[in-house]
Amino acid sequence: MASSSHDHIDDTIDECIDNVCDQIYDQAMENILSYNGGHQEATKPKKKRAHVERNREEGHNRLWNDYFCENATYSPRIFRRRFRMNKPLFMRIVDRLSSEMSFFQQRRDATGRFGLSPIQKCTSAIRMMAYGSAADAQDEYIRLAETTAISCLENFVQGIINFFGDEYLRRPTPADLQRLLDIGEMRGFPGMIGSIDCMHWEWKNCPTAWKGQYTRGSGKPTIVLEAVASQDLWIWHAFFGPPGTLNDINVLDRSPVFDDILQGCAPKVNYTVNGHRYKLAYYLTDGIYPKWATFIQSIPLPQTPKASLFATYQEAVRKDVERAFGVLQARFHIVKNPALIHDKEKVGKIMRVCIILHNMIVEDERDGYTQFNVAEFEQTQSNRTSHVDYTLPTARLSNITEMMITRNEVRDKRTNERLHDDLIEHIWQKFDTNQGYNQDYN
């Protein structure tokens, strides 16, 4: 009996000791947490982001009924204005991307619910480029989040480059060159295949370490685009990336515009001006470009009627590239507005895609606004004064001596002066000075 009483007392003492220890431990932890201040809040696990139910199916149905169904709310004219292209061309792009890229294929999620449709994703990317709008501006109508809109733009850009870049951002083929030469001859410039110039795209979020390299004077950082455009505003050459501190001559020294000629793999061209034969096609330029055999400038202060007439025609035809820049910026405001992306590579891809889409639109609408009837300059071979050799060279120039000879021919100042004089005489003989632009040109 005495033993059992002692055991009960021992259990009671142990229980009291445990309670006291627990109280001391709890008080110590409270003191530590109160001493550390906000440490307790910082160590708490982050809460999961609240889910936003956007009703993406409703967004697809609204988009389909507004633009793509048989009795759409908005007419094809409004579609062309808001998507910057006709509906068949846009659907061609959507079909190609959805069939070739898994990102644009509509799938079901784990719950069996359909994801965003290819039309929603492509529309989001086109709207961001066409209007230069922010990514989260697509949420209210197309019903997709900001990060998804950015992902749509990046994948859209990569897809357009992969599937359409080789065709719509190519160097002129022999057939293309012959067509350009025929149009140039009809406009009074035999041997002319386009005009060349540069434009600047402001880079708002240029890295601080690069701002001195990309900023000229007290302006803002810019990136230079060198382009060659023809009469129908097709951009045949695009070199994007030089810093804005460079001028047209510095950019030309870096540009690959004459690489095919220097390497001996360009199509051979022959044309006649004022009874003299030439073998290098040329571009029309402004006064900053050097006097090479491949460049023809205007006359700054013409003193004679012949020089004045030549300057009028040269400056009018050279505006092709200026018009191309203007249409490109008006068509895609993302190029007109300052670039907001930090990564220069991504900025370059966006510029390249805008040019590819621009050329696709030009091809799709070429017959609607071209100034010339194609049948008028598709002459027989005997009537042409400009000819292209359709047999492309089989090998590149490997001899440094031959490459230097070709380089000297491209940069020959005497050829430039002789061709310049011949073109002045040719323009004077072709067009009536009393009427200015003749009816064929208009």
Protein backbone atom coordinates (compact mmCIF):
# COMPACT_ATOMS: atom_id res chain seq x y z
CA MET A 1 0.00 0.00 0.00
CA ALA A 2 2.85 2.36 0.84
CA SER A 3 4.59 1.47 -2.43
CA SER A 4 1.56 2.40 -4.53
CA SER A 5 1.27 5.76 -2.76
CA HIS A 6 4.89 6.55 -3.57
CA ASP A 7 4.36 5.70 -7.26
CA HIS A 8 1.38 8.02 -7.49
CA ILE A 9 3.39 10.88 -5.99
CA ASP A 10 6.22 10.27 -8.46
CA ASP A 11 3.81 10.41 -11.45
CA THR A 12 2.35 13.66 -10.21
CA ILE A 13 5.78 15.22 -9.86
CA ASP A 14 6.79 14.11 -13.39
CA GLU A 15 3.60 15.60 -14.86
CA CYS A 16 4.23 18.92 -13.12
CA ILE A 17 7.80 19.00 -14.39
CA ASP A 18 6.59 18.35 -17.98
CA ASN A 19 4.06 21.14 -17.77
CA VAL A 20 6.63 23.58 -16.46
CA CYS A 21 9.07 22.63 -19.23
CA ASP A 22 6.38 23.13 -21.87
CA GLN A 23 5.56 26.55 -20.49
CA ILE A 24 9.20 27.59 -20.41
CA TYR A 25 9.68 26.40 -24.02
CA ASP A 26 6.59 28.22 -25.26
CA GLN A 27 7.62 31.42 -23.51
CA ALA A 28 11.14 31.18 -24.94
CA MET A 29 9.81 30.77 -28.50
CA GLU A 30 7.50 33.76 -28.07
CA ASN A 31 10.42 35.86 -26.86
CA ILE A 32 12.55 34.81 -29.84
CA LEU A 33 9.82 35.59 -32.37
CA SER A 34 9.02 38.93 -30.80
CA TYR A 35 12.71 39.80 -30.78
CA ASN A 36 13.11 38.99 -34.49
CA GLY A 37 10.21 41.26 -35.41
CA GLY A 38 8.89 40.43 -38.90
CA HIS A 39 10.95 37.27 -39.23
CA GLN A 40 7.89 35.18 -38.51
CA GLU A 41 6.03 36.68 -41.51
CA ALA A 42 9.05 36.19 -43.77
CA THR A 43 9.36 32.50 -42.89
CA LYS A 44 5.75 31.75 -43.70
CA PRO A 45 5.25 29.90 -46.99
CA LYS A 46 3.93 32.05 -49.82
CA LYS A 47 0.30 31.68 -50.66
CA LYS A 48 -0.64 30.34 -54.07
CA ARG A 49 -1.70 32.86 -56.67
CA ALA A 50 -5.45 33.28 -56.93
CA HIS A 51 -6.88 31.67 -60.04
CA VAL A 52 -8.60 34.02 -62.50
CA GLU A 53 -11.35 32.36 -64.47
CA ARG A 54 -11.17 34.11 -67.84
CA ASN A 55 -13.74 32.03 -69.75
CA ARG A 56 -11.41 31.46 -72.67
CA GLU A 57 -14.14 29.58 -74.56
CA GLU A 58 -16.24 32.73 -74.48
CA GLY A 59 -13.28 34.71 -75.82
CA HIS A 60 -12.87 32.31 -78.75
CA ASN A 61 -16.58 32.36 -79.56
CA ARG A 62 -16.68 36.15 -79.51
CA LEU A 63 -13.60 36.38 -81.74
CA TRP A 64 -15.01 33.81 -84.15
CA ASN A 65 -18.40 35.51 -84.42
CA ASP A 66 -16.84 38.95 -84.86
CA TYR A 67 -14.40 38.11 -87.67
CA PHE A 68 -14.32 34.48 -88.88
CA CYS A 69 -17.81 33.03 -89.14
CA GLU A 70 -19.84 33.14 -92.34
CA ASN A 71 -21.95 36.12 -91.22
CA ALA A 72 -19.27 37.90 -89.23
CA THR A 73 -20.07 41.06 -87.32
CA TYR A 74 -17.26 43.03 -88.97
CA SER A 75 -16.69 43.29 -92.70
CA PRO A 76 -13.52 42.15 -94.54
CA ARG A 77 -12.51 45.79 -94.82
CA ILE A 78 -12.52 46.20 -91.04
CA PHE A 79 -10.70 42.86 -90.70
CA ARG A 80 -8.01 44.16 -93.06
CA ARG A 81 -7.62 47.34 -91.03
CA ARG A 82 -7.38 45.64 -87.64
CA PHE A 83 -5.32 42.59 -88.63
CA ARG A 84 -3.23 44.48 -91.24
CA MET A 85 -3.88 41.74 -93.80
CA ASN A 86 -6.71 40.01 -95.60
CA LYS A 87 -8.51 37.13 -93.93
CA PRO A 88 -7.26 34.35 -96.31
CA LEU A 89 -3.65 35.34 -95.66
CA PHE A 90 -4.19 35.38 -91.89
CA MET A 91 -5.86 31.95 -91.98
CA ARG A 92 -2.98 30.65 -94.07
CA ILE A 93 -0.57 31.72 -91.32
CA VAL A 94 -2.79 30.23 -88.59
CA ASP A 95 -3.12 26.89 -90.41
CA ARG A 96 0.61 26.64 -91.02
CA LEU A 97 1.55 27.44 -87.44
CA SER A 98 -1.10 25.18 -85.91
CA SER A 99 -0.03 22.25 -88.09
CA GLU A 100 3.73 22.68 -87.58
CA MET A 101 4.10 24.01 -84.01
CA SER A 102 2.73 22.23 -80.94
CA PHE A 103 2.33 25.54 -79.10
CA PHE A 104 -0.43 26.66 -81.48
CA GLN A 105 -2.30 23.34 -81.38
CA GLN A 106 -5.42 23.33 -79.22
CA ARG A 107 -5.31 20.62 -76.55
CA ARG A 108 -7.31 19.54 -73.53
CA ASP A 109 -5.96 20.04 -70.03
CA ALA A 110 -6.04 17.50 -67.18
CA THR A 111 -9.70 18.22 -66.54
CA GLY A 112 -10.66 17.64 -70.19
CA ARG A 113 -11.20 21.34 -70.89
CA PHE A 114 -9.97 22.85 -74.17
CA GLY A 115 -7.14 25.38 -74.02
CA LEU A 116 -6.72 28.54 -76.09
CA SER A 117 -7.44 28.18 -79.79
CA PRO A 118 -4.83 28.91 -82.51
CA ILE A 119 -6.90 31.89 -83.65
CA GLN A 120 -6.78 33.42 -80.17
CA LYS A 121 -3.01 33.00 -79.91
CA CYS A 122 -2.24 34.35 -83.40
CA THR A 123 -4.68 37.24 -82.98
CA SER A 124 -2.99 38.21 -79.74
CA ALA A 125 0.44 38.29 -81.41
CA ILE A 126 -0.81 40.25 -84.43
CA ARG A 127 -2.59 42.81 -82.26
CA MET A 128 0.53 43.39 -80.17
CA MET A 129 2.59 44.02 -83.32
CA ALA A 130 -0.07 45.98 -85.18
CA TYR A 131 -1.02 48.32 -82.34
CA GLY A 132 2.15 48.18 -80.25
CA SER A 133 -0.03 47.48 -77.21
CA ALA A 134 1.00 45.97 -73.90
CA ALA A 135 0.65 42.24 -73.29
CA ASP A 136 -2.05 42.57 -70.65
CA ALA A 137 -4.22 44.64 -73.01
CA GLN A 138 -5.21 41.38 -74.77
CA ASP A 139 -6.90 40.00 -71.66
CA GLU A 140 -10.21 41.83 -71.82
CA TYR A 141 -11.19 40.77 -75.35
CA ILE A 142 -9.17 37.68 -76.29
CA ARG A 143 -9.20 36.35 -72.70
CA LEU A 144 -5.60 35.33 -72.08
CA ALA A 145 -3.15 36.36 -69.39
CA GLU A 146 -0.17 38.68 -69.79
CA THR A 147 2.45 35.93 -69.60
CA THR A 148 0.49 33.87 -72.12
CA ALA A 149 0.30 36.83 -74.51
CA ILE A 150 4.07 37.30 -74.30
CA SER A 151 4.57 33.59 -74.94
CA CYS A 152 2.22 33.81 -77.95
CA LEU A 153 4.25 36.66 -79.41
CA GLU A 154 7.58 34.88 -78.94
CA ASN A 155 6.35 31.64 -80.49
CA PHE A 156 4.58 33.48 -83.30
CA VAL A 157 7.78 35.35 -84.14
CA GLN A 158 9.84 32.17 -84.18
CA GLY A 159 7.28 30.34 -86.29
CA ILE A 160 7.05 33.07 -88.93
CA ILE A 161 10.85 33.14 -89.25
CA ASN A 162 11.11 29.36 -89.54
CA PHE A 163 8.29 28.76 -92.02
CA PHE A 164 8.13 31.95 -94.11
CA GLY A 165 11.53 33.64 -93.74
CA ASP A 166 13.32 31.83 -96.56
CA GLU A 167 10.60 32.72 -99.06
CA TYR A 168 9.68 36.26 -98.05
CA LEU A 169 13.04 37.60 -96.96
CA ARG A 170 15.17 36.26 -99.78
CA ARG A 171 17.66 37.76 -102.14
CA PRO A 172 16.27 38.36 -105.65
CA THR A 173 16.30 35.31 -107.88
CA PRO A 174 17.14 35.72 -111.59
CA ALA A 175 13.41 35.97 -112.35
CA ASP A 176 13.00 38.59 -109.63
CA LEU A 177 15.97 40.55 -110.99
CA GLN A 178 14.58 40.53 -114.52
CA ARG A 179 11.27 41.87 -113.26
CA LEU A 180 13.01 44.61 -111.25
CA LEU A 181 15.16 45.54 -114.23
CA ASP A 182 12.10 45.77 -116.51
CA ILE A 183 10.31 48.07 -114.07
CA GLY A 184 13.45 50.18 -113.62
CA GLU A 185 13.84 50.55 -117.38
CA MET A 186 10.21 51.54 -117.73
CA ARG A 187 10.68 54.24 -115.09
CA GLY A 188 13.72 55.63 -116.91
CA PHE A 189 16.55 53.88 -115.05
CA PRO A 190 17.88 50.83 -116.94
CA GLY A 191 19.90 48.60 -114.60
CA MET A 192 18.20 49.92 -111.43
CA ILE A 193 16.93 47.22 -109.02
CA GLY A 194 15.73 49.33 -106.11
CA SER A 195 16.66 52.07 -103.67
CA ILE A 196 18.61 51.77 -100.42
CA ASP A 197 18.49 53.74 -97.18
CA CYS A 198 18.51 53.42 -93.37
CA MET A 199 16.00 54.06 -90.59
CA HIS A 200 16.37 54.11 -86.79
CA TRP A 201 14.20 52.23 -84.26
CA GLU A 202 14.28 53.73 -80.77
CA TRP A 203 15.30 51.25 -78.06
CA LYS A 204 13.71 52.49 -74.84
CA ASN A 205 14.93 49.70 -72.55
CA CYS A 206 18.47 49.59 -73.89
CA PRO A 207 20.83 48.24 -71.19
CA THR A 208 22.57 51.07 -69.36
CA ALA A 209 26.02 49.75 -70.25
CA TRP A 210 25.18 50.00 -73.98
CA LYS A 211 23.49 53.42 -74.05
CA GLY A 212 26.65 55.27 -74.98
CA GLN A 213 27.14 52.97 -77.96
CA TYR A 214 23.55 53.26 -79.22
CA THR A 215 22.87 56.95 -78.50
CA ARG A 216 23.86 59.76 -80.84
CA GLY A 217 24.39 63.14 -79.19
CA SER A 218 21.74 63.93 -76.61
CA GLY A 219 19.11 61.71 -78.22
CA LYS A 220 17.85 58.28 -77.23
CA PRO A 221 19.29 54.83 -78.01
CA THR A 222 18.36 53.53 -81.46
CA ILE A 223 19.07 50.49 -83.63
CA VAL A 224 19.63 50.92 -87.38
CA LEU A 225 17.81 49.09 -90.16
CA GLU A 226 19.34 49.16 -93.65
CA ALA A 227 16.89 48.12 -96.36
CA VAL A 228 16.53 47.87 -100.12
CA ALA A 229 12.99 48.33 -101.47
CA SER A 230 11.46 48.16 -104.94
CA GLN A 231 8.58 50.05 -106.50
CA ASP A 232 5.91 47.73 -105.02
CA LEU A 233 7.43 48.30 -101.53
CA TRP A 234 8.83 44.76 -101.30
CA ILE A 235 11.88 44.83 -99.03
CA TRP A 236 14.56 42.73 -100.71
CA HIS A 237 17.37 43.32 -98.26
CA ALA A 238 17.22 44.00 -94.51
CA PHE A 239 20.25 44.43 -92.27
CA PHE A 240 19.23 45.19 -88.69
CA GLY A 241 21.35 45.59 -85.59
CA PRO A 242 24.05 48.29 -85.94
CA PRO A 243 24.04 50.85 -83.11
CA GLY A 244 22.40 54.21 -83.66
CA THR A 245 25.70 56.11 -83.46
CA LEU A 246 26.59 54.88 -86.96
CA ASN A 247 25.60 56.70 -90.14
CA ASP A 248 24.65 55.16 -93.48
CA ILE A 249 28.27 54.77 -94.59
CA ASN A 250 29.36 53.01 -91.40
CA VAL A 251 26.39 50.67 -91.67
CA LEU A 252 27.24 49.98 -95.32
CA ASP A 253 30.74 48.87 -94.30
CA ARG A 254 29.17 46.19 -92.08
CA SER A 255 26.31 45.27 -94.39
CA PRO A 256 26.20 42.03 -96.44
CA VAL A 257 24.35 43.74 -99.29
CA PHE A 258 27.18 43.10 -101.78
CA ASP A 259 28.41 39.76 -100.41
CA ASP A 260 26.95 37.73 -103.27
CA ILE A 261 28.68 39.94 -105.84
CA LEU A 262 32.03 39.84 -104.04
CA GLN A 263 31.83 36.06 -103.66
CA GLY A 264 30.93 35.58 -107.32
CA CYS A 265 27.56 33.86 -106.73
CA ALA A 266 25.22 36.67 -107.83
CA PRO A 267 23.29 36.45 -111.14
CA LYS A 268 25.04 38.21 -114.03
CA VAL A 269 23.34 41.40 -115.25
CA ASN A 270 23.93 43.28 -118.51
CA TYR A 271 22.21 46.47 -119.61
CA THR A 272 22.72 49.37 -121.99
CA VAL A 273 22.39 53.08 -121.22
CA ASN A 274 22.96 55.73 -123.87
CA GLY A 275 24.81 53.23 -126.07
CA HIS A 276 27.21 52.09 -123.32
CA ARG A 277 27.09 48.60 -121.79
CA TYR A 278 27.30 47.92 -118.04
CA LYS A 279 27.37 44.72 -116.00
CA LEU A 280 26.63 45.82 -112.43
CA ALA A 281 23.09 46.68 -111.36
CA TYR A 282 22.74 49.73 -109.13
CA TYR A 283 20.62 51.26 -106.37
CA LEU A 284 19.33 54.80 -106.12
CA THR A 285 20.58 56.56 -102.98
CA ASP A 286 20.71 59.92 -101.27
CA GLY A 287 23.80 62.09 -101.13
CA ILE A 288 25.54 60.46 -98.15
CA TYR A 289 26.36 57.24 -99.98
CA PRO A 290 29.74 56.97 -101.73
CA LYS A 291 30.12 57.29 -105.49
CA TRP A 292 30.40 53.63 -106.39
CA ALA A 293 29.42 51.86 -109.59
CA THR A 294 26.47 50.34 -107.72
CA PHE A 295 25.05 53.65 -106.40
CA ILE A 296 23.45 56.53 -108.28
CA GLN A 297 22.84 59.77 -106.38
CA SER A 298 20.81 62.81 -107.27
CA ILE A 299 22.25 66.23 -108.17
CA PRO A 300 22.06 68.57 -105.16
CA LEU A 301 22.02 71.87 -107.08
CA PRO A 302 21.12 71.22 -110.73
CA GLN A 303 22.16 74.05 -113.04
CA THR A 304 20.87 72.82 -116.41
CA PRO A 305 17.46 71.58 -117.60
CA LYS A 306 18.90 68.07 -118.12
CA ALA A 307 20.33 67.94 -114.61
CA SER A 308 17.12 69.33 -113.14
CA LEU A 309 14.99 66.73 -114.91
CA PHE A 310 17.30 63.91 -113.81
CA ALA A 311 17.23 65.11 -110.19
CA THR A 312 13.43 65.23 -110.27
CA TYR A 313 13.11 61.65 -111.50
CA GLN A 314 15.90 60.25 -109.34
CA GLU A 315 14.50 61.75 -106.14
CA ALA A 316 10.98 60.59 -107.00
CA VAL A 317 12.02 56.99 -107.68
CA ARG A 318 14.38 56.88 -104.70
CA LYS A 319 11.42 57.55 -102.41
CA ASP A 320 10.43 53.89 -102.78
CA VAL A 321 12.51 52.94 -99.76
CA GLU A 322 11.18 55.89 -97.77
CA ARG A 323 7.65 54.82 -98.58
CA ALA A 324 8.48 51.26 -97.54
CA PHE A 325 9.73 52.51 -94.15
CA GLY A 326 6.58 54.59 -93.70
CA VAL A 327 4.25 51.72 -94.59
CA LEU A 328 6.17 49.31 -92.35
CA GLN A 329 5.84 51.64 -89.36
CA ALA A 330 2.20 52.45 -90.06
CA ARG A 331 1.36 48.78 -90.50
CA PHE A 332 3.15 47.60 -87.36
CA HIS A 333 3.19 50.18 -84.59
CA ILE A 334 5.51 48.01 -82.54
CA VAL A 335 8.23 49.24 -84.92
CA LYS A 336 7.00 52.83 -84.79
CA ASN A 337 6.91 52.95 -80.99
CA PRO A 338 10.06 52.61 -78.85
CA ALA A 339 11.15 49.00 -78.33
CA LEU A 340 10.35 47.87 -74.78
CA ILE A 341 12.31 44.60 -74.82
CA HIS A 342 15.69 44.38 -73.12
CA ASP A 343 17.03 41.49 -75.22
CA LYS A 344 18.50 42.76 -78.50
CA GLU A 345 18.12 39.37 -80.15
CA LYS A 346 14.38 39.40 -79.50
CA VAL A 347 14.16 42.97 -80.81
CA GLY A 348 15.89 41.85 -84.00
CA LYS A 349 13.51 38.92 -84.46
CA ILE A 350 10.49 41.19 -84.12
CA MET A 351 11.86 43.54 -86.78
CA ARG A 352 12.57 40.61 -89.07
CA VAL A 353 9.05 39.20 -88.64
CA CYS A 354 7.48 42.59 -89.34
CA ILE A 355 9.41 42.73 -92.63
CA ILE A 356 8.41 39.16 -93.54
CA LEU A 357 4.74 39.89 -92.84
CA HIS A 358 5.04 43.16 -94.77
CA ASN A 359 6.34 41.28 -97.82
CA MET A 360 3.59 38.67 -97.49
CA ILE A 361 0.99 41.43 -97.50
CA VAL A 362 2.67 43.10 -100.49
CA GLU A 363 2.52 39.85 -102.44
CA ASP A 364 -1.10 39.23 -101.43
CA GLU A 365 -2.21 42.73 -102.47
CA ARG A 366 0.27 43.46 -105.26
CA ASP A 367 -2.27 43.50 -108.08
CA GLY A 368 -4.50 45.89 -106.18
CA TYR A 369 -2.21 48.90 -105.96
CA THR A 370 0.77 48.40 -108.26
CA GLN A 371 1.33 51.28 -110.69
CA PHE A 372 2.19 49.05 -113.63
CA ASN A 373 0.49 46.38 -115.62
CA VAL A 374 2.77 43.35 -115.55
CA ALA A 375 2.00 42.59 -119.20
CA GLU A 376 3.41 45.97 -120.26
CA PHE A 377 6.98 45.23 -119.19
CA GLU A 378 7.01 41.50 -119.98
CA GLN A 379 8.69 42.16 -123.30
CA THR A 380 10.44 39.74 -125.57
CA GLN A 381 14.09 39.07 -124.99
CA SER A 382 15.13 41.01 -128.11
CA ASN A 383 13.38 44.23 -127.05
CA ARG A 384 14.96 44.44 -123.61
CA THR A 385 18.08 46.46 -122.97
CA SER A 386 18.54 44.85 -119.52
CA HIS A 387 19.19 41.11 -119.31
CA VAL A 388 19.84 38.61 -116.54
CA ASP A 389 21.86 35.45 -117.02
CA TYR A 390 19.63 32.71 -115.62
CA THR A 391 22.54 30.30 -115.16
CA LEU A 392 23.75 30.91 -111.63
CA PRO A 393 27.47 30.51 -110.89
CA THR A 394 28.29 27.01 -109.67
CA ALA A 395 31.13 27.99 -107.32
CA ARG A 396 32.10 30.92 -105.16
CA LEU A 397 35.24 32.92 -105.70
CA SER A 398 38.02 31.43 -103.62
CA ASN A 399 40.91 33.44 -105.04
CA ILE A 400 41.53 36.59 -103.00
CA THR A 401 42.84 38.34 -106.11
CA GLU A 402 39.57 37.80 -107.99
CA MET A 403 37.57 39.01 -104.98
CA MET A 404 39.63 42.19 -104.78
CA ILE A 405 39.14 42.81 -108.51
CA THR A 406 35.36 42.46 -108.07
CA ARG A 407 35.47 44.73 -105.03
CA ASN A 408 37.29 47.42 -107.02
CA GLU A 409 34.69 47.15 -109.78
CA VAL A 410 31.88 47.67 -107.29
CA ARG A 411 33.62 50.73 -105.82
CA ASP A 412 34.80 52.22 -109.12
CA LYS A 413 34.18 55.97 -109.07
CA ARG A 414 34.82 56.43 -112.81
CA THR A 415 32.08 53.93 -113.66
CA ASN A 416 29.74 55.85 -111.38
CA GLU A 417 30.49 59.14 -113.14
CA ARG A 418 30.09 57.66 -116.61
CA LEU A 419 26.83 55.89 -115.70
CA HIS A 420 25.56 59.08 -114.06
CA ASP A 421 26.17 61.09 -117.23
CA ASP A 422 24.56 58.40 -119.40
CA LEU A 423 21.46 58.32 -117.20
CA ILE A 424 21.11 62.10 -117.38
CA GLU A 425 21.12 61.91 -121.15
CA HIS A 426 18.79 58.89 -121.16
CA ILE A 427 16.23 60.62 -118.93
CA TRP A 428 16.36 63.72 -121.13
CA GLN A 429 15.68 61.68 -124.29
CA LYS A 430 12.97 59.50 -122.74
CA PHE A 431 10.77 62.10 -121.05
CA ASP A 432 9.33 65.33 -122.37
CA THR A 433 10.58 68.26 -120.29
CA ASN A 434 7.36 70.21 -120.86
CA GLN A 435 5.16 67.51 -119.34
CA GLY A 436 7.36 66.29 -116.46
CA TYR A 437 6.22 62.78 -115.63
CA ASN A 438 4.77 61.28 -118.80
CA GLN A 439 1.59 59.27 -118.88
CA ASP A 440 3.39 55.91 -118.81
CA TYR A 441 4.94 56.71 -115.42
CA ASN A 442 1.69 57.99 -113.93
